[in-house]
């Protein structure tokens, strides 16, 4: 029995991306799969077929990928997700919270329901992910938790009261976690993506994004993802907590 256990292959470290699609989340998953990690990705259950397509592409490239239909706002579903991954796939070494929830409403049109729903998606869900990450990482005294932020994380703009409030709240959660968990060996980082990102939303606003991509005038998901891998690789004597990414000609 002991010999059989010794012959079992070591389980890969896991990168969990909460909020993965064809843009930044998918790029982050691919980047960590290229690092040899098993990648787990989540989206709402109604979008699971799209998530499985991303997982298939990672597998076709030789990586390990798993797709989960999860409502990240649900405490019970989030707890179950972490327990399932730890039990069936491997130890979670990286958690990336990447839910956007970018909606625009004038303050007079912002209902309580809209404000609350945006906060649940972009802030409450991030807290749940961060808490469960801490629960599995602290006993091992290692791990990385990265939260994706936006321009709205640091300033509010017109028609963005709900989004800015949620993103500011998420940034505060990240700061509190970093101060609490850093001394325990857990690297917590917050990445502000300041500018348009190539993806479905940006492509819906422009007839042709090719010139913008050729001139590096919008953020490219694969280049964003490289920075997430860099943050995970950082040696603890020089950890970054907050990193802002923007195109070279973006005004700020």
Protein backbone atom coordinates (compact mmCIF):
# COMPACT_ATOMS: atom_id res chain seq x y z
CA UNK A 1 0.00 0.00 0.00
CA UNK A 2 2.79 2.42 0.95
CA UNK A 3 4.67 1.64 -2.28
CA UNK A 4 1.52 2.26 -4.35
CA UNK A 5 1.10 5.66 -2.72
CA UNK A 6 4.71 6.54 -3.48
CA UNK A 7 4.13 5.76 -7.16
CA UNK A 8 1.19 8.14 -7.44
CA UNK A 9 2.13 11.28 -9.38
CA UNK A 10 2.31 14.50 -7.39
CA UNK A 11 -0.73 16.70 -7.88
CA UNK A 12 -0.21 19.93 -9.76
CA UNK A 13 -0.68 23.28 -8.13
CA UNK A 14 -3.94 24.89 -9.20
CA UNK A 15 -4.71 28.36 -10.52
CA UNK A 16 -8.36 29.25 -9.99
CA UNK A 17 -9.75 32.06 -12.19
CA UNK A 18 -13.11 33.31 -10.96
CA UNK A 19 -14.77 35.09 -13.87
CA UNK A 20 -13.21 33.71 -17.06
CA UNK A 21 -14.27 34.49 -20.61
CA UNK A 22 -12.70 35.04 -24.00
CA UNK A 23 -10.91 38.19 -22.78
CA UNK A 24 -8.71 38.76 -19.75
CA UNK A 25 -9.91 35.77 -17.71
CA UNK A 26 -9.27 33.29 -20.49
CA UNK A 27 -5.86 34.80 -21.19
CA UNK A 28 -4.91 34.50 -17.51
CA UNK A 29 -6.00 30.86 -17.48
CA UNK A 30 -3.91 30.11 -20.58
CA UNK A 31 -0.87 31.87 -19.12
CA UNK A 32 -0.94 29.85 -15.90
CA UNK A 33 -1.60 26.62 -17.82
CA UNK A 34 1.55 27.40 -19.80
CA UNK A 35 3.36 27.57 -16.45
CA UNK A 36 2.40 23.94 -15.87
CA UNK A 37 -0.42 24.57 -13.43
CA UNK A 38 -3.82 22.92 -13.49
CA UNK A 39 -6.32 25.66 -14.32
CA UNK A 40 -9.83 25.88 -12.93
CA UNK A 41 -12.22 28.50 -14.29
CA UNK A 42 -15.67 29.67 -13.30
CA UNK A 43 -18.59 31.46 -14.90
CA UNK A 44 -22.30 31.46 -14.24
CA UNK A 45 -23.82 28.06 -15.04
CA UNK A 46 -25.74 29.46 -18.01
CA UNK A 47 -22.39 30.24 -19.70
CA UNK A 48 -20.74 26.92 -18.93
CA UNK A 49 -20.68 25.83 -22.59
CA UNK A 50 -18.58 28.90 -23.46
CA UNK A 51 -16.25 28.17 -20.56
CA UNK A 52 -15.86 24.55 -21.66
CA UNK A 53 -14.76 25.82 -25.09
CA UNK A 54 -11.95 27.81 -23.44
CA UNK A 55 -10.98 24.75 -21.39
CA UNK A 56 -10.91 22.62 -24.55
CA UNK A 57 -8.48 25.03 -26.21
CA UNK A 58 -6.17 24.86 -23.19
CA UNK A 59 -6.31 21.06 -23.24
CA UNK A 60 -5.62 21.00 -26.98
CA UNK A 61 -2.46 23.00 -26.27
CA UNK A 62 -1.33 20.39 -23.75
CA UNK A 63 -2.58 22.01 -20.56
CA UNK A 64 -4.94 20.87 -17.83
CA UNK A 65 -8.18 22.81 -17.50
CA UNK A 66 -11.46 22.40 -15.64
CA UNK A 67 -14.66 24.44 -16.03
CA UNK A 68 -17.20 25.09 -13.25
CA UNK A 69 -20.59 26.74 -13.41
CA UNK A 70 -20.67 28.80 -10.22
CA UNK A 71 -22.49 31.87 -8.98
CA UNK A 72 -19.58 33.69 -7.33
CA UNK A 73 -22.03 35.70 -5.21
CA UNK A 74 -23.19 32.54 -3.46
CA UNK A 75 -21.34 31.74 -0.24
CA UNK A 76 -22.37 28.08 -0.36
CA UNK A 77 -21.32 27.61 -4.00
CA UNK A 78 -17.98 29.33 -3.42
CA UNK A 79 -17.18 27.22 -0.36
CA UNK A 80 -18.11 24.06 -2.29
CA UNK A 81 -15.98 25.12 -5.27
CA UNK A 82 -12.82 25.46 -3.17
CA UNK A 83 -13.50 22.18 -1.35
CA UNK A 84 -14.07 20.31 -4.64
CA UNK A 85 -10.87 21.62 -6.24
CA UNK A 86 -8.75 20.88 -3.17
CA UNK A 87 -10.19 17.36 -2.93
CA UNK A 88 -10.34 16.32 -6.57
CA UNK A 89 -7.77 18.36 -8.50
CA UNK A 90 -4.97 19.80 -6.40
CA UNK A 91 -3.82 22.45 -3.94
CA UNK A 92 -4.91 25.95 -4.91
CA UNK A 93 -1.78 28.08 -5.24
CA UNK A 94 -3.23 31.06 -7.16
CA UNK A 95 -6.67 32.63 -7.03
CA UNK A 96 -7.56 35.35 -9.54
CA UNK A 97 -10.80 37.24 -8.98
CA UNK A 98 -11.71 38.69 -12.36
CA UNK A 99 -15.40 39.63 -12.31
CA UNK A 100 -16.04 43.02 -13.87
CA UNK A 101 -19.71 44.09 -13.51
CA UNK A 102 -19.10 47.32 -15.45
CA UNK A 103 -22.51 48.93 -15.96
CA UNK A 104 -23.39 52.57 -16.55
CA UNK A 105 -26.43 54.31 -15.09
CA UNK A 106 -27.02 57.92 -14.28
CA UNK A 107 -27.43 58.46 -10.55
CA UNK A 108 -31.14 59.23 -10.97
CA UNK A 109 -31.65 55.96 -12.85
CA UNK A 110 -29.60 53.81 -10.46
CA UNK A 111 -32.05 51.67 -8.54
CA UNK A 112 -31.30 49.96 -5.26
CA UNK A 113 -31.49 46.65 -7.10
CA UNK A 114 -28.86 47.72 -9.66
CA UNK A 115 -26.54 49.14 -7.00
CA UNK A 116 -26.83 46.04 -4.84
CA UNK A 117 -26.38 43.60 -7.71
CA UNK A 118 -23.23 45.35 -8.96
CA UNK A 119 -21.82 45.38 -5.43
CA UNK A 120 -22.59 41.68 -5.02
CA UNK A 121 -20.82 40.79 -8.26
CA UNK A 122 -17.75 43.03 -8.00
CA UNK A 123 -17.21 43.30 -4.25
CA UNK A 124 -19.04 40.67 -2.20
CA UNK A 125 -17.97 37.89 -4.57
CA UNK A 126 -14.38 39.10 -4.30
CA UNK A 127 -14.55 38.98 -0.51
CA UNK A 128 -15.88 35.40 -0.64
CA UNK A 129 -13.12 34.34 -3.02
CA UNK A 130 -10.45 36.01 -0.91
CA UNK A 131 -11.71 34.50 2.32
CA UNK A 132 -11.84 30.96 0.94
CA UNK A 133 -8.41 31.42 -0.64
CA UNK A 134 -7.05 32.41 2.78
CA UNK A 135 -8.67 29.36 4.37
CA UNK A 136 -6.76 26.95 2.12
CA UNK A 137 -3.51 28.92 1.71
CA UNK A 138 -2.70 30.05 5.25
CA UNK A 139 -2.18 26.51 6.63
CA UNK A 140 0.37 25.94 3.83
CA UNK A 141 1.90 29.43 4.30
CA UNK A 142 2.04 30.01 0.55
CA UNK A 143 -0.19 31.26 -2.22
CA UNK A 144 -1.11 34.25 -4.37
CA UNK A 145 -4.43 36.08 -4.56
CA UNK A 146 -4.90 38.64 -7.33
CA UNK A 147 -7.89 40.93 -7.75
CA UNK A 148 -8.61 42.61 -11.09
CA UNK A 149 -9.45 46.27 -10.67
CA UNK A 150 -10.30 49.09 -13.04
CA UNK A 151 -10.02 52.85 -13.37
CA UNK A 152 -13.17 52.97 -11.22
CA UNK A 153 -11.21 51.35 -8.39
CA UNK A 154 -9.53 54.66 -7.66
CA UNK A 155 -11.96 57.31 -8.85
CA UNK A 156 -15.66 57.67 -9.53
CA UNK A 157 -16.95 59.07 -12.78
CA UNK A 158 -20.34 60.15 -14.05
CA UNK A 159 -22.78 57.27 -14.59
CA UNK A 160 -20.50 54.88 -12.69
CA UNK A 161 -21.57 55.32 -9.08
CA UNK A 162 -22.51 51.66 -8.56
CA UNK A 163 -19.47 50.28 -10.37
CA UNK A 164 -17.02 52.66 -8.69
CA UNK A 165 -18.45 51.94 -5.23
CA UNK A 166 -18.08 48.19 -5.78
CA UNK A 167 -14.58 48.43 -7.24
CA UNK A 168 -13.41 50.79 -4.50
CA UNK A 169 -14.77 48.31 -2.00
CA UNK A 170 -12.91 45.43 -3.67
CA UNK A 171 -9.69 47.45 -3.55
CA UNK A 172 -10.18 47.98 0.18
CA UNK A 173 -10.73 44.24 0.68
CA UNK A 174 -7.48 43.55 -1.20
CA UNK A 175 -5.55 46.05 0.91
CA UNK A 176 -6.90 44.62 4.17
CA UNK A 177 -6.09 41.08 3.06
CA UNK A 178 -2.56 42.04 2.01
CA UNK A 179 -1.80 43.58 5.40
CA UNK A 180 -3.26 40.62 7.26
CA UNK A 181 -2.02 37.76 5.12
CA UNK A 182 1.35 39.00 3.89
CA UNK A 183 3.05 38.17 7.21
CA UNK A 184 1.53 34.69 6.93
CA UNK A 185 3.17 34.03 3.54
CA UNK A 186 0.27 34.91 1.24
CA UNK A 187 0.89 37.42 -1.56
CA UNK A 188 -2.19 39.57 -2.21
CA UNK A 189 -2.15 41.91 -5.20
CA UNK A 190 -4.57 44.32 -6.87
CA UNK A 191 -4.21 45.07 -10.59
CA UNK A 192 -5.77 48.24 -12.02
CA UNK A 193 -6.47 47.89 -15.73
CA UNK A 194 -6.68 51.55 -16.73
CA UNK A 195 -7.90 51.76 -20.29
CA UNK A 196 -9.89 49.94 -22.94
CA UNK A 197 -9.22 46.19 -23.17
CA UNK A 198 -9.46 44.22 -26.38
CA UNK A 199 -12.58 42.10 -26.08
CA UNK A 200 -16.28 41.90 -26.83
CA UNK A 201 -17.14 45.22 -25.15
CA UNK A 202 -14.40 47.23 -26.86
CA UNK A 203 -15.06 45.62 -30.24
CA UNK A 204 -18.73 46.56 -29.92
CA UNK A 205 -17.74 50.22 -29.64
CA UNK A 206 -15.38 50.35 -32.64
CA UNK A 207 -15.93 49.33 -36.25
CA UNK A 208 -12.36 48.01 -36.46
CA UNK A 209 -9.93 47.60 -33.54
CA UNK A 210 -7.06 46.49 -35.79
CA UNK A 211 -5.37 49.93 -35.90
CA UNK A 212 -5.67 50.20 -32.12
CA UNK A 213 -4.06 46.79 -31.65
CA UNK A 214 -1.30 47.48 -34.15
CA UNK A 215 -0.39 50.73 -32.38
CA UNK A 216 -0.75 49.19 -28.88
CA UNK A 217 -3.43 51.74 -28.00
CA UNK A 218 -5.64 49.30 -26.09
CA UNK A 219 -4.75 46.73 -23.46
CA UNK A 220 -4.14 43.25 -24.83
CA UNK A 221 -5.40 40.37 -22.65
CA UNK A 222 -2.32 38.21 -23.21
CA UNK A 223 -0.06 41.06 -22.09
CA UNK A 224 -2.21 41.66 -19.01
CA UNK A 225 -1.94 37.95 -18.21
CA UNK A 226 1.87 38.06 -18.36
CA UNK A 227 1.79 40.51 -15.47
CA UNK A 228 -0.38 38.20 -13.36
CA UNK A 229 2.16 35.41 -13.81
CA UNK A 230 4.93 37.85 -12.91
CA UNK A 231 3.14 38.79 -9.68
CA UNK A 232 2.85 35.12 -8.71
CA UNK A 233 6.53 34.56 -9.44
CA UNK A 234 7.72 37.50 -7.33
CA UNK A 235 10.10 36.73 -4.48
CA UNK A 236 8.71 37.80 -1.14
CA UNK A 237 11.46 40.34 -0.39
CA UNK A 238 9.99 42.53 -3.16
CA UNK A 239 6.27 41.86 -3.43
CA UNK A 240 4.03 44.23 -5.38
CA UNK A 241 0.64 44.93 -3.88
CA UNK A 242 -0.86 47.30 -6.46
CA UNK A 243 0.04 47.33 -10.14
CA UNK A 244 -1.52 49.61 -12.73
CA UNK A 245 -1.53 48.68 -16.41
CA UNK A 246 -2.38 51.06 -19.23
CA UNK A 247 -1.48 51.55 -22.91
CA UNK A 248 1.56 53.72 -23.51
CA UNK A 249 -0.48 56.67 -24.83
CA UNK A 250 -3.37 56.43 -22.38
CA UNK A 251 -4.07 59.69 -20.54
CA UNK A 252 -4.21 59.42 -16.78
